[in-house]
């Protein structure tokens, strides 16, 4: 799955939406936070048209803060939580890095060999499961027709192409000079 990374504005909009939903699910009226109106009711009445209009007004304000944020925030979380990507420890009760990443960080800090694989020459094996890989492209390779500035790129693997994780640009397997498989 390739989606854009949630921005600070996306996260702010998501938190605003969460606050609104918590308010209403707790039975409280969704007052306008920018208003000093002391005449607003305390409790939310789902049968009152004026209350529903106010709820829609607040909901629309959240959605307009950063259009499309809900997809970027939710699917970003889904991608991080997907056990195939081995980013989050699927056995922990809290958000915790995958043990392999913790081991790699510890190895790096101690200047001993990392648990992550080293560079392997050539393109990664073709897979169709979205598994993550770090790739280094040939100097003349293009990413959707654009320069890649010789920087390593994190991509997910799909049957005929790889896609960058940040903005879903397509990468040909043939343009990969070397790779590190980071998702098994």
Foldseek 3Di string as FASTA:
>chain_A
DADAAADPLLVVLVVLVVVLVVQVVVQAQNDDPVDPDPPDDGGQDPVDPVSVVSSVVSNVVSCVSDPPSVVNVVVVVVVCQPVLQQQFCVPDPDGDGRVLVVQQVVCVVVVHDHSFDDKDFAFDDADADFFKKWFFFDQPFAFLNHGPPRDIFIWTHRHQWTAGRNHGTTHGSRGTGIMTGNRD
